[in-house]
Amino acid sequence: RNIKWTASPWDLDSLEFLNKYDVPFIKIPSALLTNLELIKKTTETGKKIIISTGMSTIDEVDDAVNAIKSINNNADYAVLHCNSSYPAPTNELNLKCIETLQNRYNCEVGYSGHEFGLTTTIASICLGATIIERHITLDRTMWGTDQMCSVEPQGLIKLVRGINEL
């Protein structure tokens, strides 16, 4: 079906594995934003890098972006605003941070949502998000740490429709 895929490396071996394939980008998960060695090695692949900022301070995001630029000042990278609570309370999403990240890093900025519902994810587009990440599942009642805040197939269809309408 010509669907592109990628994955998040959690160590250098995983990065080496991913680099064997023609993935469109490599995403550094929030939990590894402070692993500057992994970020630098990812930058060396020449692929687009997407870094997620959940659980991070602005200084840690600065360090990650500086690590990318120290390898390649012209690297193609994006920053995702994220609240890593599962599920994330709507009143703690701080979607205005999307604008803050755009102004601070002058790069593509997206949103990684872990909240119930779709409205706030769609709203992130109005604030400038150009990349959307939502976890998906076949059934939110399945066992797992993020199942309840994941989007089921019919929700994914509604999310894509809402974004396209906007």
N, C-alpha and C. Protein backbone atom coordinates (compact mmCIF):
# COMPACT_ATOMS: atom_id res chain seq x y z
N ARG A 1 0.81 -1.20 0.00
CA ARG A 1 0.00 0.00 0.00
C ARG A 1 0.85 1.26 0.00
N ASN A 2 2.16 1.11 -0.13
CA ASN A 2 3.09 2.24 -0.20
C ASN A 2 2.98 3.16 1.02
N ILE A 3 2.87 2.54 2.20
CA ILE A 3 2.84 3.29 3.45
C ILE A 3 4.26 3.35 4.00
N LYS A 4 4.76 4.55 4.21
CA LYS A 4 6.10 4.70 4.77
C LYS A 4 6.06 4.40 6.26
N TRP A 5 7.13 3.88 6.79
CA TRP A 5 7.20 3.55 8.21
C TRP A 5 8.49 4.10 8.80
N THR A 6 8.51 4.18 10.10
CA THR A 6 9.70 4.54 10.83
C THR A 6 9.56 4.00 12.24
N ALA A 7 10.54 4.25 13.06
CA ALA A 7 10.50 3.82 14.46
C ALA A 7 11.42 4.73 15.26
N SER A 8 11.27 4.67 16.56
CA SER A 8 12.13 5.45 17.45
C SER A 8 13.22 4.55 18.01
N PRO A 9 14.48 4.90 17.77
CA PRO A 9 15.56 4.11 18.36
C PRO A 9 15.71 4.43 19.85
N TRP A 10 15.93 3.41 20.65
CA TRP A 10 16.13 3.60 22.09
C TRP A 10 17.58 3.38 22.48
N ASP A 11 18.42 3.08 21.48
CA ASP A 11 19.85 2.89 21.73
C ASP A 11 20.57 2.94 20.37
N LEU A 12 21.89 2.90 20.41
CA LEU A 12 22.66 3.00 19.17
C LEU A 12 22.48 1.79 18.27
N ASP A 13 22.27 0.59 18.86
CA ASP A 13 22.02 -0.60 18.04
C ASP A 13 20.73 -0.45 17.25
N SER A 14 19.69 0.09 17.90
CA SER A 14 18.41 0.32 17.20
C SER A 14 18.58 1.34 16.08
N LEU A 15 19.37 2.37 16.33
CA LEU A 15 19.63 3.38 15.30
C LEU A 15 20.35 2.74 14.11
N GLU A 16 21.33 1.91 14.39
CA GLU A 16 22.06 1.23 13.32
C GLU A 16 21.11 0.35 12.50
N PHE A 17 20.19 -0.35 13.17
CA PHE A 17 19.19 -1.16 12.48
C PHE A 17 18.32 -0.29 11.58
N LEU A 18 17.80 0.82 12.12
CA LEU A 18 16.93 1.71 11.34
C LEU A 18 17.65 2.28 10.12
N ASN A 19 18.91 2.56 10.29
CA ASN A 19 19.68 3.19 9.22
C ASN A 19 19.86 2.26 8.01
N LYS A 20 19.55 0.99 8.16
CA LYS A 20 19.63 0.05 7.04
C LYS A 20 18.44 0.21 6.09
N TYR A 21 17.42 0.95 6.53
CA TYR A 21 16.19 1.08 5.76
C TYR A 21 15.99 2.52 5.31
N ASP A 22 15.13 2.68 4.33
CA ASP A 22 14.85 4.00 3.78
C ASP A 22 13.68 4.63 4.54
N VAL A 23 13.90 4.91 5.83
CA VAL A 23 12.84 5.53 6.62
C VAL A 23 12.82 7.03 6.33
N PRO A 24 11.64 7.66 6.33
CA PRO A 24 11.56 9.08 5.98
C PRO A 24 12.10 10.00 7.07
N PHE A 25 12.11 9.53 8.31
CA PHE A 25 12.64 10.31 9.42
C PHE A 25 12.90 9.37 10.59
N ILE A 26 13.61 9.88 11.56
CA ILE A 26 13.86 9.14 12.81
C ILE A 26 13.39 10.02 13.95
N LYS A 27 12.56 9.46 14.83
CA LYS A 27 12.02 10.21 15.95
C LYS A 27 12.73 9.81 17.24
N ILE A 28 13.21 10.83 17.92
CA ILE A 28 13.81 10.63 19.23
C ILE A 28 12.68 10.78 20.26
N PRO A 29 12.39 9.73 21.02
CA PRO A 29 11.29 9.83 22.00
C PRO A 29 11.65 10.75 23.16
N SER A 30 10.63 11.28 23.80
CA SER A 30 10.82 12.21 24.92
C SER A 30 11.78 11.65 25.96
N ALA A 31 11.65 10.38 26.26
CA ALA A 31 12.46 9.78 27.32
C ALA A 31 13.95 9.79 27.00
N LEU A 32 14.29 9.99 25.73
CA LEU A 32 15.71 9.98 25.32
C LEU A 32 16.20 11.34 24.84
N LEU A 33 15.43 12.39 25.09
CA LEU A 33 15.83 13.72 24.63
C LEU A 33 17.16 14.15 25.22
N THR A 34 17.53 13.63 26.38
CA THR A 34 18.80 14.01 27.01
C THR A 34 19.95 13.09 26.60
N ASN A 35 19.67 12.10 25.74
CA ASN A 35 20.73 11.22 25.26
C ASN A 35 21.39 11.90 24.05
N LEU A 36 22.30 12.81 24.34
CA LEU A 36 22.90 13.62 23.27
C LEU A 36 23.75 12.81 22.31
N GLU A 37 24.33 11.71 22.79
CA GLU A 37 25.09 10.84 21.89
C GLU A 37 24.16 10.23 20.83
N LEU A 38 22.99 9.77 21.25
CA LEU A 38 22.03 9.20 20.31
C LEU A 38 21.55 10.27 19.33
N ILE A 39 21.31 11.46 19.82
CA ILE A 39 20.86 12.55 18.95
C ILE A 39 21.94 12.91 17.93
N LYS A 40 23.18 12.98 18.37
CA LYS A 40 24.27 13.30 17.43
C LYS A 40 24.44 12.21 16.38
N LYS A 41 24.39 10.96 16.80
CA LYS A 41 24.53 9.84 15.86
C LYS A 41 23.35 9.81 14.88
N THR A 42 22.16 10.17 15.36
CA THR A 42 21.00 10.25 14.48
C THR A 42 21.19 11.35 13.45
N THR A 43 21.72 12.49 13.88
CA THR A 43 21.99 13.59 12.96
C THR A 43 22.97 13.16 11.88
N GLU A 44 23.93 12.36 12.24
CA GLU A 44 24.94 11.89 11.28
C GLU A 44 24.35 11.02 10.18
N THR A 45 23.15 10.45 10.39
CA THR A 45 22.53 9.64 9.34
C THR A 45 22.08 10.48 8.16
N GLY A 46 21.88 11.78 8.37
CA GLY A 46 21.41 12.65 7.31
C GLY A 46 19.90 12.61 7.12
N LYS A 47 19.21 11.79 7.90
CA LYS A 47 17.75 11.72 7.81
C LYS A 47 17.12 12.82 8.65
N LYS A 48 15.88 13.16 8.34
CA LYS A 48 15.15 14.13 9.15
C LYS A 48 15.02 13.58 10.57
N ILE A 49 15.16 14.47 11.55
CA ILE A 49 15.05 14.10 12.96
C ILE A 49 13.84 14.81 13.55
N ILE A 50 13.05 14.06 14.27
CA ILE A 50 11.94 14.64 15.01
C ILE A 50 12.20 14.34 16.48
N ILE A 51 12.24 15.40 17.29
CA ILE A 51 12.46 15.20 18.72
C ILE A 51 11.17 15.56 19.47
N SER A 52 10.84 14.74 20.44
CA SER A 52 9.66 14.96 21.25
C SER A 52 10.09 15.54 22.60
N THR A 53 9.30 16.47 23.12
CA THR A 53 9.74 17.25 24.28
C THR A 53 9.03 16.92 25.59
N GLY A 54 8.17 15.92 25.61
CA GLY A 54 7.48 15.58 26.85
C GLY A 54 8.47 15.30 27.96
N MET A 55 8.15 15.70 29.17
CA MET A 55 8.98 15.49 30.37
C MET A 55 10.26 16.32 30.36
N SER A 56 10.42 17.25 29.45
CA SER A 56 11.69 17.96 29.30
C SER A 56 11.58 19.42 29.73
N THR A 57 12.69 19.94 30.18
CA THR A 57 12.79 21.38 30.44
C THR A 57 13.22 22.07 29.15
N ILE A 58 13.05 23.37 29.10
CA ILE A 58 13.46 24.11 27.91
C ILE A 58 14.98 24.03 27.73
N ASP A 59 15.72 23.97 28.83
CA ASP A 59 17.18 23.82 28.72
C ASP A 59 17.55 22.48 28.09
N GLU A 60 16.81 21.42 28.41
CA GLU A 60 17.08 20.12 27.81
C GLU A 60 16.75 20.13 26.31
N VAL A 61 15.69 20.82 25.94
CA VAL A 61 15.36 20.94 24.51
C VAL A 61 16.45 21.76 23.81
N ASP A 62 16.89 22.84 24.45
CA ASP A 62 18.00 23.63 23.90
C ASP A 62 19.22 22.74 23.65
N ASP A 63 19.56 21.91 24.63
CA ASP A 63 20.74 21.03 24.51
C ASP A 63 20.57 20.06 23.34
N ALA A 64 19.36 19.51 23.17
CA ALA A 64 19.11 18.57 22.07
C ALA A 64 19.25 19.27 20.72
N VAL A 65 18.65 20.45 20.59
CA VAL A 65 18.74 21.19 19.33
C VAL A 65 20.19 21.59 19.06
N ASN A 66 20.89 22.02 20.10
CA ASN A 66 22.30 22.37 19.92
C ASN A 66 23.14 21.16 19.53
N ALA A 67 22.79 19.98 20.03
CA ALA A 67 23.50 18.75 19.64
C ALA A 67 23.30 18.48 18.16
N ILE A 68 22.09 18.67 17.68
CA ILE A 68 21.81 18.49 16.25
C ILE A 68 22.64 19.48 15.43
N LYS A 69 22.59 20.75 15.82
CA LYS A 69 23.28 21.79 15.06
C LYS A 69 24.80 21.66 15.15
N SER A 70 25.31 21.05 16.23
CA SER A 70 26.76 20.88 16.34
C SER A 70 27.29 19.89 15.31
N ILE A 71 26.44 18.99 14.84
CA ILE A 71 26.83 18.03 13.81
C ILE A 71 26.55 18.60 12.42
N ASN A 72 25.38 19.24 12.28
CA ASN A 72 24.99 19.78 10.97
C ASN A 72 24.07 20.98 11.21
N ASN A 73 24.60 22.15 11.04
CA ASN A 73 23.82 23.37 11.28
C ASN A 73 22.61 23.49 10.35
N ASN A 74 22.65 22.74 9.24
CA ASN A 74 21.54 22.76 8.29
C ASN A 74 20.69 21.49 8.35
N ALA A 75 20.80 20.74 9.43
CA ALA A 75 20.05 19.49 9.56
C ALA A 75 18.55 19.75 9.48
N ASP A 76 17.86 18.81 8.89
CA ASP A 76 16.40 18.86 8.81
C ASP A 76 15.85 18.25 10.10
N TYR A 77 15.28 19.09 10.95
CA TYR A 77 14.74 18.59 12.21
C TYR A 77 13.44 19.30 12.56
N ALA A 78 12.67 18.65 13.40
CA ALA A 78 11.42 19.21 13.90
C ALA A 78 11.32 18.91 15.38
N VAL A 79 10.54 19.73 16.08
CA VAL A 79 10.33 19.59 17.51
C VAL A 79 8.84 19.37 17.76
N LEU A 80 8.52 18.35 18.55
CA LEU A 80 7.12 18.09 18.89
C LEU A 80 6.84 18.55 20.31
N HIS A 81 5.82 19.40 20.47
CA HIS A 81 5.34 19.73 21.81
C HIS A 81 4.58 18.52 22.32
N CYS A 82 4.77 18.19 23.60
CA CYS A 82 4.17 16.98 24.13
C CYS A 82 3.99 17.09 25.64
N ASN A 83 2.89 16.58 26.13
CA ASN A 83 2.67 16.38 27.56
C ASN A 83 2.63 14.87 27.74
N SER A 84 3.53 14.34 28.52
CA SER A 84 3.69 12.89 28.61
C SER A 84 2.83 12.22 29.67
N SER A 85 1.83 12.90 30.19
CA SER A 85 0.88 12.23 31.08
C SER A 85 -0.01 11.33 30.24
N TYR A 86 -0.40 10.19 30.80
CA TYR A 86 -1.25 9.24 30.09
C TYR A 86 -2.46 8.92 30.94
N PRO A 87 -3.62 9.46 30.66
CA PRO A 87 -3.89 10.49 29.65
C PRO A 87 -3.52 11.87 30.17
N ALA A 88 -3.25 12.76 29.25
CA ALA A 88 -2.88 14.13 29.62
C ALA A 88 -4.14 14.94 29.88
N PRO A 89 -4.23 15.57 31.06
CA PRO A 89 -5.40 16.42 31.33
C PRO A 89 -5.42 17.62 30.36
N THR A 90 -6.58 17.90 29.82
CA THR A 90 -6.71 18.97 28.84
C THR A 90 -6.19 20.30 29.37
N ASN A 91 -6.42 20.58 30.65
CA ASN A 91 -5.99 21.87 31.21
C ASN A 91 -4.48 21.94 31.44
N GLU A 92 -3.75 20.87 31.12
CA GLU A 92 -2.29 20.87 31.25
C GLU A 92 -1.57 20.74 29.91
N LEU A 93 -2.29 20.83 28.81
CA LEU A 93 -1.68 20.62 27.49
C LEU A 93 -0.77 21.76 27.06
N ASN A 94 -1.07 22.99 27.47
CA ASN A 94 -0.23 24.13 27.14
C ASN A 94 0.07 24.21 25.64
N LEU A 95 -0.98 24.20 24.83
CA LEU A 95 -0.79 24.22 23.38
C LEU A 95 -0.11 25.47 22.87
N LYS A 96 -0.15 26.56 23.64
CA LYS A 96 0.56 27.78 23.23
C LYS A 96 2.07 27.55 23.14
N CYS A 97 2.54 26.48 23.75
CA CYS A 97 3.97 26.15 23.67
C CYS A 97 4.39 25.87 22.24
N ILE A 98 3.45 25.50 21.37
CA ILE A 98 3.77 25.28 19.96
C ILE A 98 4.36 26.56 19.37
N GLU A 99 3.72 27.68 19.65
CA GLU A 99 4.23 28.97 19.17
C GLU A 99 5.58 29.31 19.80
N THR A 100 5.72 29.01 21.08
CA THR A 100 6.99 29.26 21.77
C THR A 100 8.12 28.48 21.10
N LEU A 101 7.88 27.22 20.80
CA LEU A 101 8.91 26.39 20.16
C LEU A 101 9.24 26.91 18.75
N GLN A 102 8.21 27.34 18.01
CA GLN A 102 8.45 27.89 16.67
C GLN A 102 9.34 29.12 16.75
N ASN A 103 9.03 30.00 17.67
CA ASN A 103 9.80 31.24 17.80
C ASN A 103 11.21 30.98 18.31
N ARG A 104 11.36 30.02 19.21
CA ARG A 104 12.67 29.76 19.82
C ARG A 104 13.63 29.04 18.87
N TYR A 105 13.10 28.07 18.10
CA TYR A 105 13.98 27.23 17.29
C TYR A 105 13.87 27.48 15.78
N ASN A 106 12.86 28.25 15.36
CA ASN A 106 12.71 28.57 13.94
C ASN A 106 12.77 27.31 13.07
N CYS A 107 11.98 26.31 13.48
CA CYS A 107 11.94 25.05 12.74
C CYS A 107 10.50 24.57 12.68
N GLU A 108 10.31 23.47 11.98
CA GLU A 108 8.99 22.85 11.93
C GLU A 108 8.64 22.35 13.34
N VAL A 109 7.41 22.60 13.76
CA VAL A 109 6.96 22.20 15.09
C VAL A 109 5.67 21.41 14.96
N GLY A 110 5.56 20.37 15.76
CA GLY A 110 4.36 19.55 15.74
C GLY A 110 3.82 19.34 17.13
N TYR A 111 2.85 18.44 17.21
CA TYR A 111 2.18 18.16 18.48
C TYR A 111 2.02 16.66 18.64
N SER A 112 2.42 16.16 19.79
CA SER A 112 2.24 14.76 20.15
C SER A 112 1.23 14.71 21.29
N GLY A 113 0.02 14.24 21.00
CA GLY A 113 -1.06 14.28 21.97
C GLY A 113 -1.32 12.96 22.66
N HIS A 114 -1.56 13.04 23.96
CA HIS A 114 -1.89 11.85 24.75
C HIS A 114 -3.15 12.09 25.56
N GLU A 115 -4.01 12.98 25.09
CA GLU A 115 -5.22 13.32 25.82
C GLU A 115 -6.40 12.53 25.26
N PHE A 116 -7.51 12.51 26.04
CA PHE A 116 -8.76 11.97 25.53
C PHE A 116 -9.27 12.93 24.46
N GLY A 117 -9.97 12.42 23.50
CA GLY A 117 -10.61 13.29 22.52
C GLY A 117 -9.68 13.75 21.42
N LEU A 118 -10.28 14.44 20.46
CA LEU A 118 -9.56 14.86 19.25
C LEU A 118 -9.49 16.36 19.09
N THR A 119 -10.36 17.09 19.76
CA THR A 119 -10.50 18.53 19.54
C THR A 119 -9.19 19.27 19.76
N THR A 120 -8.50 18.97 20.84
CA THR A 120 -7.27 19.69 21.15
C THR A 120 -6.16 19.37 20.15
N THR A 121 -6.14 18.15 19.65
CA THR A 121 -5.15 17.82 18.62
C THR A 121 -5.44 18.61 17.35
N ILE A 122 -6.69 18.68 16.96
CA ILE A 122 -7.06 19.47 15.78
C ILE A 122 -6.73 20.95 16.02
N ALA A 123 -6.99 21.43 17.24
CA ALA A 123 -6.69 22.83 17.57
C ALA A 123 -5.20 23.14 17.43
N SER A 124 -4.35 22.15 17.65
CA SER A 124 -2.91 22.40 17.56
C SER A 124 -2.51 22.86 16.16
N ILE A 125 -3.27 22.46 15.15
CA ILE A 125 -3.01 22.91 13.78
C ILE A 125 -3.20 24.42 13.68
N CYS A 126 -4.22 24.95 14.37
CA CYS A 126 -4.47 26.40 14.35
C CYS A 126 -3.31 27.17 14.96
N LEU A 127 -2.58 26.53 15.85
CA LEU A 127 -1.46 27.18 16.51
C LEU A 127 -0.14 26.96 15.78
N GLY A 128 -0.20 26.27 14.65
CA GLY A 128 1.00 26.14 13.82
C GLY A 128 1.61 24.75 13.73
N ALA A 129 1.05 23.76 14.41
CA ALA A 129 1.60 22.41 14.32
C ALA A 129 1.47 21.89 12.89
N THR A 130 2.55 21.34 12.37
CA THR A 130 2.53 20.77 11.02
C THR A 130 2.77 19.27 11.03
N ILE A 131 3.06 18.73 12.19
CA ILE A 131 3.21 17.28 12.38
C ILE A 131 2.29 16.90 13.54
N ILE A 132 1.53 15.84 13.37
CA ILE A 132 0.67 15.35 14.43
C ILE A 132 1.06 13.91 14.75
N GLU A 133 1.22 13.64 16.04
CA GLU A 133 1.46 12.28 16.49
C GLU A 133 0.38 11.93 17.51
N ARG A 134 -0.32 10.86 17.26
CA ARG A 134 -1.26 10.30 18.22
C ARG A 134 -1.05 8.79 18.22
N HIS A 135 -1.09 8.18 19.38
CA HIS A 135 -1.00 6.74 19.46
C HIS A 135 -2.33 6.16 18.98
N ILE A 136 -2.26 5.04 18.28
CA ILE A 136 -3.47 4.39 17.80
C ILE A 136 -3.55 2.98 18.38
N THR A 137 -4.75 2.47 18.48
CA THR A 137 -5.00 1.14 19.00
C THR A 137 -6.23 0.57 18.33
N LEU A 138 -6.37 -0.73 18.35
CA LEU A 138 -7.58 -1.35 17.84
C LEU A 138 -8.72 -1.25 18.84
N ASP A 139 -8.38 -1.16 20.14
CA ASP A 139 -9.41 -1.15 21.18
C ASP A 139 -8.83 -0.49 22.44
N ARG A 140 -9.42 0.61 22.86
CA ARG A 140 -8.91 1.35 24.02
C ARG A 140 -9.06 0.58 25.32
N THR A 141 -9.86 -0.48 25.34
CA THR A 141 -10.00 -1.26 26.58
C THR A 141 -8.93 -2.33 26.71
N MET A 142 -8.07 -2.47 25.72
CA MET A 142 -6.97 -3.44 25.80
C MET A 142 -5.99 -3.03 26.89
N TRP A 143 -5.19 -3.97 27.37
CA TRP A 143 -4.18 -3.70 28.39
C TRP A 143 -3.07 -2.86 27.77
N GLY A 144 -2.54 -1.93 28.55
CA GLY A 144 -1.40 -1.13 28.11
C GLY A 144 -1.39 0.22 28.79
N THR A 145 -0.22 0.83 28.85
CA THR A 145 -0.08 2.09 29.57
C THR A 145 -0.73 3.26 28.86
N ASP A 146 -0.87 3.18 27.56
CA ASP A 146 -1.43 4.33 26.83
C ASP A 146 -2.68 3.99 26.03
N GLN A 147 -3.26 2.81 26.25
CA GLN A 147 -4.42 2.40 25.47
C GLN A 147 -5.59 3.37 25.62
N MET A 148 -5.87 3.82 26.85
CA MET A 148 -7.05 4.65 27.09
C MET A 148 -6.96 6.01 26.39
N CYS A 149 -5.76 6.51 26.16
CA CYS A 149 -5.64 7.80 25.50
C CYS A 149 -5.24 7.65 24.03
N SER A 150 -5.25 6.42 23.54
CA SER A 150 -4.98 6.18 22.13
C SER A 150 -6.25 6.37 21.32
N VAL A 151 -6.08 6.47 20.03
CA VAL A 151 -7.20 6.70 19.11
C VAL A 151 -7.51 5.38 18.41
N GLU A 152 -8.78 5.00 18.44
CA GLU A 152 -9.21 3.81 17.72
C GLU A 152 -9.37 4.14 16.24
N PRO A 153 -9.49 3.12 15.36
CA PRO A 153 -9.55 3.40 13.92
C PRO A 153 -10.59 4.44 13.52
N GLN A 154 -11.81 4.37 14.07
CA GLN A 154 -12.82 5.36 13.71
C GLN A 154 -12.43 6.75 14.19
N GLY A 155 -11.72 6.83 15.32
CA GLY A 155 -11.22 8.12 15.81
C GLY A 155 -10.14 8.67 14.92
N LEU A 156 -9.29 7.79 14.40
CA LEU A 156 -8.24 8.24 13.49
C LEU A 156 -8.85 8.83 12.22
N ILE A 157 -9.90 8.19 11.72
CA ILE A 157 -10.60 8.71 10.54
C ILE A 157 -11.16 10.10 10.84
N LYS A 158 -11.78 10.26 12.02
CA LYS A 158 -12.33 11.56 12.41
C LYS A 158 -11.23 12.60 12.58
N LEU A 159 -10.10 12.19 13.14
CA LEU A 159 -8.98 13.12 13.33
C LEU A 159 -8.47 13.62 11.98
N VAL A 160 -8.23 12.72 11.06
CA VAL A 160 -7.74 13.10 9.74
C VAL A 160 -8.76 13.99 9.04
N ARG A 161 -10.04 13.65 9.12
CA ARG A 161 -11.09 14.45 8.51
C ARG A 161 -11.11 15.86 9.11
N GLY A 162 -11.02 15.93 10.44
CA GLY A 162 -11.03 17.25 11.10
C GLY A 162 -9.85 18.10 10.70
N ILE A 163 -8.68 17.51 10.61
CA ILE A 163 -7.49 18.26 10.20
C ILE A 163 -7.63 18.73 8.76
N ASN A 164 -8.11 17.85 7.89
CA ASN A 164 -8.29 18.22 6.48
C ASN A 164 -9.33 19.32 6.33
N GLU A 165 -10.42 19.25 7.10
CA GLU A 165 -11.43 20.30 7.03
C GLU A 165 -10.87 21.63 7.49
N LEU A 166 -10.05 21.60 8.53
CA LEU A 166 -9.47 22.83 9.04
C LEU A 166 -8.54 23.45 8.02
